[in-house]
Amino acid sequence: MKKYIVFILSLALLYIGFQILSGWVLTALYVPDLSTGYMSTSGGIVLEQSPVIQFLAILLIATIAYVFSQKMIRHT
């Protein structure tokens, strides 16, 4: 049970960190289109990631969380 808790906590923290980092990068790299600045828009900007990229990112995060949880358990 301890391994599971360490793994889930590691996964959650890494996933939250990934979401914050990707949001920061998307915000930093966003360049507004000034040509449409004078037209009225009915909605906001929607930035989406590809489902494949999200899936691969979650696999990478899960792998890192697994390795991290294994190292934490061995040191305790």
PDB file of N, CA and C in Angstrom:
ATOM      1  N   MET A   1       0.827  -1.195   0.000  1.00  0.00           N
ATOM      2  CA  MET A   1       0.000   0.000   0.000  1.00  0.00           C
ATOM      3  C   MET A   1       0.869   1.256   0.000  1.00  0.00           C
ATOM      4  N   LYS A   2       2.022   1.184   0.686  1.00  0.00           N
ATOM      5  CA  LYS A   2       2.905   2.342   0.752  1.00  0.00           C
ATOM      6  C   LYS A   2       3.447   2.679  -0.638  1.00  0.00           C
ATOM      7  N   LYS A   3       3.785   1.656  -1.430  1.00  0.00           N
ATOM      8  CA  LYS A   3       4.296   1.889  -2.781  1.00  0.00           C
ATOM      9  C   LYS A   3       3.254   2.601  -3.632  1.00  0.00           C
ATOM     10  N   TYR A   4       2.003   2.178  -3.484  1.00  0.00           N
ATOM     11  CA  TYR A   4       0.926   2.777  -4.264  1.00  0.00           C
ATOM     12  C   TYR A   4       0.733   4.244  -3.899  1.00  0.00           C
ATOM     13  N   ILE A   5       0.752   4.555  -2.618  1.00  0.00           N
ATOM     14  CA  ILE A   5       0.559   5.938  -2.173  1.00  0.00           C
ATOM     15  C   ILE A   5       1.702   6.821  -2.658  1.00  0.00           C
ATOM     16  N   VAL A   6       2.932   6.344  -2.539  1.00  0.00           N
ATOM     17  CA  VAL A   6       4.086   7.120  -3.008  1.00  0.00           C
ATOM     18  C   VAL A   6       3.999   7.332  -4.515  1.00  0.00           C
ATOM     19  N   PHE A   7       3.606   6.302  -5.258  1.00  0.00           N
ATOM     20  CA  PHE A   7       3.486   6.421  -6.709  1.00  0.00           C
ATOM     21  C   PHE A   7       2.407   7.426  -7.094  1.00  0.00           C
ATOM     22  N   ILE A   8       1.236   7.336  -6.483  1.00  0.00           N
ATOM     23  CA  ILE A   8       0.130   8.236  -6.818  1.00  0.00           C
ATOM     24  C   ILE A   8       0.477   9.677  -6.464  1.00  0.00           C
ATOM     25  N   LEU A   9       1.096   9.893  -5.308  1.00  0.00           N
ATOM     26  CA  LEU A   9       1.490  11.254  -4.935  1.00  0.00           C
ATOM     27  C   LEU A   9       2.543  11.799  -5.896  1.00  0.00           C
ATOM     28  N   SER A  10       3.504  10.983  -6.276  1.00  0.00           N
ATOM     29  CA  SER A  10       4.522  11.408  -7.239  1.00  0.00           C
ATOM     30  C   SER A  10       3.889  11.740  -8.580  1.00  0.00           C
ATOM     31  N   LEU A  11       2.983  10.891  -9.027  1.00  0.00           N
ATOM     32  CA  LEU A  11       2.307  11.118 -10.302  1.00  0.00           C
ATOM     33  C   LEU A  11       1.497  12.409 -10.270  1.00  0.00           C
ATOM     34  N   ALA A  12       0.766  12.625  -9.194  1.00  0.00           N
ATOM     35  CA  ALA A  12      -0.057  13.828  -9.083  1.00  0.00           C
ATOM     36  C   ALA A  12       0.802  15.088  -9.077  1.00  0.00           C
ATOM     37  N   LEU A  13       1.875  15.087  -8.309  1.00  0.00           N
ATOM     38  CA  LEU A  13       2.739  16.268  -8.243  1.00  0.00           C
ATOM     39  C   LEU A  13       3.424  16.544  -9.579  1.00  0.00           C
ATOM     40  N   LEU A  14       3.899  15.506 -10.241  1.00  0.00           N
ATOM     41  CA  LEU A  14       4.536  15.697 -11.541  1.00  0.00           C
ATOM     42  C   LEU A  14       3.531  16.160 -12.591  1.00  0.00           C
ATOM     43  N   TYR A  15       2.306  15.635 -12.545  1.00  0.00           N
ATOM     44  CA  TYR A  15       1.287  16.047 -13.510  1.00  0.00           C
ATOM     45  C   TYR A  15       0.901  17.512 -13.301  1.00  0.00           C
ATOM     46  N   ILE A  16       0.738  17.916 -12.059  1.00  0.00           N
ATOM     47  CA  ILE A  16       0.420  19.317 -11.771  1.00  0.00           C
ATOM     48  C   ILE A  16       1.563  20.218 -12.227  1.00  0.00           C
ATOM     49  N   GLY A  17       2.797  19.800 -11.966  1.00  0.00           N
ATOM     50  CA  GLY A  17       3.953  20.571 -12.430  1.00  0.00           C
ATOM     51  C   GLY A  17       3.997  20.674 -13.938  1.00  0.00           C
ATOM     52  N   PHE A  18       3.674  19.579 -14.636  1.00  0.00           N
ATOM     53  CA  PHE A  18       3.635  19.597 -16.098  1.00  0.00           C
ATOM     54  C   PHE A  18       2.568  20.562 -16.606  1.00  0.00           C
ATOM     55  N   GLN A  19       1.397  20.560 -15.986  1.00  0.00           N
ATOM     56  CA  GLN A  19       0.322  21.452 -16.410  1.00  0.00           C
ATOM     57  C   GLN A  19       0.702  22.914 -16.203  1.00  0.00           C
ATOM     58  N   ILE A  20       1.325  23.221 -15.074  1.00  0.00           N
ATOM     59  CA  ILE A  20       1.750  24.596 -14.804  1.00  0.00           C
ATOM     60  C   ILE A  20       2.823  25.022 -15.791  1.00  0.00           C
ATOM     61  N   LEU A  21       3.799  24.154 -16.023  1.00  0.00           N
ATOM     62  CA  LEU A  21       4.881  24.476 -16.953  1.00  0.00           C
ATOM     63  C   LEU A  21       4.369  24.640 -18.382  1.00  0.00           C
ATOM     64  N   SER A  22       3.487  23.758 -18.831  1.00  0.00           N
ATOM     65  CA  SER A  22       2.971  23.888 -20.196  1.00  0.00           C
ATOM     66  C   SER A  22       2.106  25.136 -20.333  1.00  0.00           C
ATOM     67  N   GLY A  23       1.344  25.485 -19.311  1.00  0.00           N
ATOM     68  CA  GLY A  23       0.566  26.725 -19.345  1.00  0.00           C
ATOM     69  C   GLY A  23       1.454  27.948 -19.400  1.00  0.00           C
ATOM     70  N   TRP A  24       2.534  27.907 -18.656  1.00  0.00           N
ATOM     71  CA  TRP A  24       3.481  29.026 -18.666  1.00  0.00           C
ATOM     72  C   TRP A  24       4.124  29.181 -20.041  1.00  0.00           C
ATOM     73  N   VAL A  25       4.534  28.065 -20.637  1.00  0.00           N
ATOM     74  CA  VAL A  25       5.171  28.109 -21.959  1.00  0.00           C
ATOM     75  C   VAL A  25       4.181  28.602 -23.011  1.00  0.00           C
ATOM     76  N   LEU A  26       2.950  28.087 -22.990  1.00  0.00           N
ATOM     77  CA  LEU A  26       1.951  28.532 -23.961  1.00  0.00           C
ATOM     78  C   LEU A  26       1.654  30.018 -23.811  1.00  0.00           C
ATOM     79  N   THR A  27       1.587  30.499 -22.581  1.00  0.00           N
ATOM     80  CA  THR A  27       1.338  31.916 -22.355  1.00  0.00           C
ATOM     81  C   THR A  27       2.521  32.758 -22.811  1.00  0.00           C
ATOM     82  N   ALA A  28       3.727  32.295 -22.545  1.00  0.00           N
ATOM     83  CA  ALA A  28       4.925  33.052 -22.927  1.00  0.00           C
ATOM     84  C   ALA A  28       5.101  33.108 -24.440  1.00  0.00           C
ATOM     85  N   LEU A  29       4.718  32.062 -25.140  1.00  0.00           N
ATOM     86  CA  LEU A  29       4.918  32.010 -26.588  1.00  0.00           C
ATOM     87  C   LEU A  29       3.733  32.540 -27.392  1.00  0.00           C
ATOM     88  N   TYR A  30       2.633  32.893 -26.731  1.00  0.00           N
ATOM     89  CA  TYR A  30       1.447  33.359 -27.439  1.00  0.00           C
ATOM     90  C   TYR A  30       1.686  34.754 -28.015  1.00  0.00           C
ATOM     91  N   VAL A  31       1.391  34.899 -29.288  1.00  0.00           N
ATOM     92  CA  VAL A  31       1.493  36.195 -29.961  1.00  0.00           C
ATOM     93  C   VAL A  31       0.106  36.524 -30.504  1.00  0.00           C
ATOM     94  N   PRO A  32      -0.527  37.598 -30.009  1.00  0.00           N
ATOM     95  CA  PRO A  32      -1.871  37.916 -30.488  1.00  0.00           C
ATOM     96  C   PRO A  32      -1.843  38.403 -31.935  1.00  0.00           C
ATOM     97  N   ASP A  33      -2.927  38.147 -32.643  1.00  0.00           N
ATOM     98  CA  ASP A  33      -3.068  38.584 -34.023  1.00  0.00           C
ATOM     99  C   ASP A  33      -3.656  39.989 -34.011  1.00  0.00           C
ATOM    100  N   LEU A  34      -2.841  40.986 -34.302  1.00  0.00           N
ATOM    101  CA  LEU A  34      -3.281  42.375 -34.223  1.00  0.00           C
ATOM    102  C   LEU A  34      -4.229  42.757 -35.353  1.00  0.00           C
ATOM    103  N   SER A  35      -4.230  42.018 -36.450  1.00  0.00           N
ATOM    104  CA  SER A  35      -5.108  42.369 -37.566  1.00  0.00           C
ATOM    105  C   SER A  35      -6.576  42.146 -37.216  1.00  0.00           C
ATOM    106  N   THR A  36      -6.863  41.252 -36.306  1.00  0.00           N
ATOM    107  CA  THR A  36      -8.247  41.013 -35.902  1.00  0.00           C
ATOM    108  C   THR A  36      -8.583  41.729 -34.595  1.00  0.00           C
ATOM    109  N   GLY A  37      -7.738  42.598 -34.154  1.00  0.00           N
ATOM    110  CA  GLY A  37      -7.949  43.289 -32.890  1.00  0.00           C
ATOM    111  C   GLY A  37      -9.115  44.246 -32.902  1.00  0.00           C
ATOM    112  N   TYR A  38      -9.495  44.756 -34.065  1.00  0.00           N
ATOM    113  CA  TYR A  38     -10.582  45.725 -34.146  1.00  0.00           C
ATOM    114  C   TYR A  38     -11.923  45.076 -34.452  1.00  0.00           C
ATOM    115  N   MET A  39     -11.914  43.806 -34.787  1.00  0.00           N
ATOM    116  CA  MET A  39     -13.172  43.099 -35.035  1.00  0.00           C
ATOM    117  C   MET A  39     -13.710  42.567 -33.713  1.00  0.00           C
ATOM    118  N   SER A  40     -15.036  42.537 -33.612  1.00  0.00           N
ATOM    119  CA  SER A  40     -15.615  41.977 -32.392  1.00  0.00           C
ATOM    120  C   SER A  40     -15.576  40.459 -32.481  1.00  0.00           C
ATOM    121  N   THR A  41     -15.241  39.851 -31.387  1.00  0.00           N
ATOM    122  CA  THR A  41     -15.191  38.395 -31.343  1.00  0.00           C
ATOM    123  C   THR A  41     -16.215  37.898 -30.338  1.00  0.00           C
ATOM    124  N   SER A  42     -16.771  36.761 -30.618  1.00  0.00           N
ATOM    125  CA  SER A  42     -17.788  36.218 -29.723  1.00  0.00           C
ATOM    126  C   SER A  42     -17.199  35.300 -28.659  1.00  0.00           C
ATOM    127  N   GLY A  43     -15.983  34.883 -28.851  1.00  0.00           N
ATOM    128  CA  GLY A  43     -15.394  33.954 -27.888  1.00  0.00           C
ATOM    129  C   GLY A  43     -13.949  34.282 -27.619  1.00  0.00           C
ATOM    130  N   GLY A  44     -13.373  33.517 -26.746  1.00  0.00           N
ATOM    131  CA  GLY A  44     -11.973  33.716 -26.397  1.00  0.00           C
ATOM    132  C   GLY A  44     -11.066  32.827 -27.213  1.00  0.00           C
ATOM    133  N   ILE A  45      -9.823  32.854 -26.862  1.00  0.00           N
ATOM    134  CA  ILE A  45      -8.806  32.046 -27.519  1.00  0.00           C
ATOM    135  C   ILE A  45      -8.815  30.657 -26.887  1.00  0.00           C
ATOM    136  N   VAL A  46      -8.751  29.645 -27.698  1.00  0.00           N
ATOM    137  CA  VAL A  46      -8.694  28.278 -27.196  1.00  0.00           C
ATOM    138  C   VAL A  46      -7.396  27.656 -27.687  1.00  0.00           C
ATOM    139  N   LEU A  47      -6.544  27.288 -26.745  1.00  0.00           N
ATOM    140  CA  LEU A  47      -5.293  26.615 -27.080  1.00  0.00           C
ATOM    141  C   LEU A  47      -5.427  25.164 -26.638  1.00  0.00           C
ATOM    142  N   GLU A  48      -5.288  24.267 -27.576  1.00  0.00           N
ATOM    143  CA  GLU A  48      -5.423  22.854 -27.255  1.00  0.00           C
ATOM    144  C   GLU A  48      -4.149  22.115 -27.594  1.00  0.00           C
ATOM    145  N   GLN A  49      -3.892  21.076 -26.827  1.00  0.00           N
ATOM    146  CA  GLN A  49      -2.786  20.186 -27.138  1.00  0.00           C
ATOM    147  C   GLN A  49      -3.352  18.959 -27.833  1.00  0.00           C
ATOM    148  N   SER A  50      -2.555  18.369 -28.648  1.00  0.00           N
ATOM    149  CA  SER A  50      -2.955  17.145 -29.329  1.00  0.00           C
ATOM    150  C   SER A  50      -3.156  16.033 -28.307  1.00  0.00           C
ATOM    151  N   PRO A  51      -4.189  15.197 -28.475  1.00  0.00           N
ATOM    152  CA  PRO A  51      -4.383  14.079 -27.543  1.00  0.00           C
ATOM    153  C   PRO A  51      -3.181  13.131 -27.507  1.00  0.00           C
ATOM    154  N   VAL A  52      -2.496  13.000 -28.622  1.00  0.00           N
ATOM    155  CA  VAL A  52      -1.321  12.125 -28.659  1.00  0.00           C
ATOM    156  C   VAL A  52      -0.215  12.702 -27.785  1.00  0.00           C
ATOM    157  N   ILE A  53      -0.014  14.012 -27.864  1.00  0.00           N
ATOM    158  CA  ILE A  53       1.020  14.661 -27.054  1.00  0.00           C
ATOM    159  C   ILE A  53       0.672  14.541 -25.573  1.00  0.00           C
ATOM    160  N   GLN A  54      -0.600  14.747 -25.225  1.00  0.00           N
ATOM    161  CA  GLN A  54      -1.001  14.606 -23.826  1.00  0.00           C
ATOM    162  C   GLN A  54      -0.793  13.177 -23.336  1.00  0.00           C
ATOM    163  N   PHE A  55      -1.142  12.203 -24.163  1.00  0.00           N
ATOM    164  CA  PHE A  55      -0.965  10.804 -23.780  1.00  0.00           C
ATOM    165  C   PHE A  55       0.507  10.480 -23.565  1.00  0.00           C
ATOM    166  N   LEU A  56       1.363  10.932 -24.475  1.00  0.00           N
ATOM    167  CA  LEU A  56       2.797  10.676 -24.331  1.00  0.00           C
ATOM    168  C   LEU A  56       3.360  11.390 -23.105  1.00  0.00           C
ATOM    169  N   ALA A  57       2.876  12.598 -22.838  1.00  0.00           N
ATOM    170  CA  ALA A  57       3.338  13.328 -21.661  1.00  0.00           C
ATOM    171  C   ALA A  57       2.935  12.604 -20.381  1.00  0.00           C
ATOM    172  N   ILE A  58       1.715  12.078 -20.336  1.00  0.00           N
ATOM    173  CA  ILE A  58       1.269  11.354 -19.150  1.00  0.00           C
ATOM    174  C   ILE A  58       2.060  10.059 -18.980  1.00  0.00           C
ATOM    175  N   LEU A  59       2.376   9.380 -20.085  1.00  0.00           N
ATOM    176  CA  LEU A  59       3.217   8.183 -19.990  1.00  0.00           C
ATOM    177  C   LEU A  59       4.597   8.522 -19.442  1.00  0.00           C
ATOM    178  N   LEU A  60       5.169   9.620 -19.919  1.00  0.00           N
ATOM    179  CA  LEU A  60       6.479  10.046 -19.425  1.00  0.00           C
ATOM    180  C   LEU A  60       6.405  10.409 -17.945  1.00  0.00           C
ATOM    181  N   ILE A  61       5.378  11.142 -17.555  1.00  0.00           N
ATOM    182  CA  ILE A  61       5.212  11.533 -16.159  1.00  0.00           C
ATOM    183  C   ILE A  61       5.009  10.301 -15.277  1.00  0.00           C
ATOM    184  N   ALA A  62       4.226   9.340 -15.747  1.00  0.00           N
ATOM    185  CA  ALA A  62       4.008   8.116 -14.970  1.00  0.00           C
ATOM    186  C   ALA A  62       5.301   7.327 -14.812  1.00  0.00           C
ATOM    187  N   THR A  63       6.110   7.288 -15.863  1.00  0.00           N
ATOM    188  CA  THR A  63       7.392   6.585 -15.781  1.00  0.00           C
ATOM    189  C   THR A  63       8.315   7.256 -14.777  1.00  0.00           C
ATOM    190  N   ILE A  64       8.392   8.577 -14.829  1.00  0.00           N
ATOM    191  CA  ILE A  64       9.227   9.321 -13.881  1.00  0.00           C
ATOM    192  C   ILE A  64       8.711   9.125 -12.459  1.00  0.00           C
ATOM    193  N   ALA A  65       7.388   9.146 -12.283  1.00  0.00           N
ATOM    194  CA  ALA A  65       6.808   8.942 -10.953  1.00  0.00           C
ATOM    195  C   ALA A  65       7.112   7.541 -10.434  1.00  0.00           C
ATOM    196  N   TYR A  66       7.077   6.550 -11.312  1.00  0.00           N
ATOM    197  CA  TYR A  66       7.392   5.177 -10.901  1.00  0.00           C
ATOM    198  C   TYR A  66       8.843   5.073 -10.445  1.00  0.00           C
ATOM    199  N   VAL A  67       9.761   5.633 -11.235  1.00  0.00           N
ATOM    200  CA  VAL A  67      11.184   5.586 -10.872  1.00  0.00           C
ATOM    201  C   VAL A  67      11.410   6.332  -9.560  1.00  0.00           C
ATOM    202  N   PHE A  68      10.785   7.496  -9.424  1.00  0.00           N
ATOM    203  CA  PHE A  68      10.920   8.290  -8.206  1.00  0.00           C
ATOM    204  C   PHE A  68      10.377   7.535  -6.995  1.00  0.00           C
ATOM    205  N   SER A  69       9.212   6.901  -7.157  1.00  0.00           N
ATOM    206  CA  SER A  69       8.629   6.172  -6.025  1.00  0.00           C
ATOM    207  C   SER A  69       9.480   4.964  -5.643  1.00  0.00           C
ATOM    208  N   GLN A  70      10.094   4.308  -6.617  1.00  0.00           N
ATOM    209  CA  GLN A  70      10.966   3.174  -6.312  1.00  0.00           C
ATOM    210  C   GLN A  70      12.208   3.627  -5.551  1.00  0.00           C
ATOM    211  N   LYS A  71      12.764   4.777  -5.931  1.00  0.00           N
ATOM    212  CA  LYS A  71      13.939   5.298  -5.222  1.00  0.00           C
ATOM    213  C   LYS A  71      13.571   5.747  -3.815  1.00  0.00           C
ATOM    214  N   MET A  72      12.388   6.344  -3.650  1.00  0.00           N
ATOM    215  CA  MET A  72      11.956   6.796  -2.328  1.00  0.00           C
ATOM    216  C   MET A  72      11.743   5.606  -1.396  1.00  0.00           C
ATOM    217  N   ILE A  73      11.197   4.532  -1.908  1.00  0.00           N
ATOM    218  CA  ILE A  73      10.928   3.361  -1.074  1.00  0.00           C
ATOM    219  C   ILE A  73      12.229   2.675  -0.679  1.00  0.00           C
ATOM    220  N   ARG A  74      13.202   2.640  -1.565  1.00  0.00           N
ATOM    221  CA  ARG A  74      14.488   2.002  -1.250  1.00  0.00           C
ATOM    222  C   ARG A  74      15.271   2.787  -0.200  1.00  0.00           C
ATOM    223  N   HIS A  75      15.107   4.117  -0.190  1.00  0.00           N
ATOM    224  CA  HIS A  75      15.851   4.944   0.762  1.00  0.00           C
ATOM    225  C   HIS A  75      15.202   4.971   2.142  1.00  0.00           C
ATOM    226  N   THR A  76      13.958   4.528   2.257  1.00  0.00           N
ATOM    227  CA  THR A  76      13.292   4.569   3.566  1.00  0.00           C
ATOM    228  C   THR A  76      13.362   3.247   4.260  1.00  0.00           C
TER     229      THR A  76
END
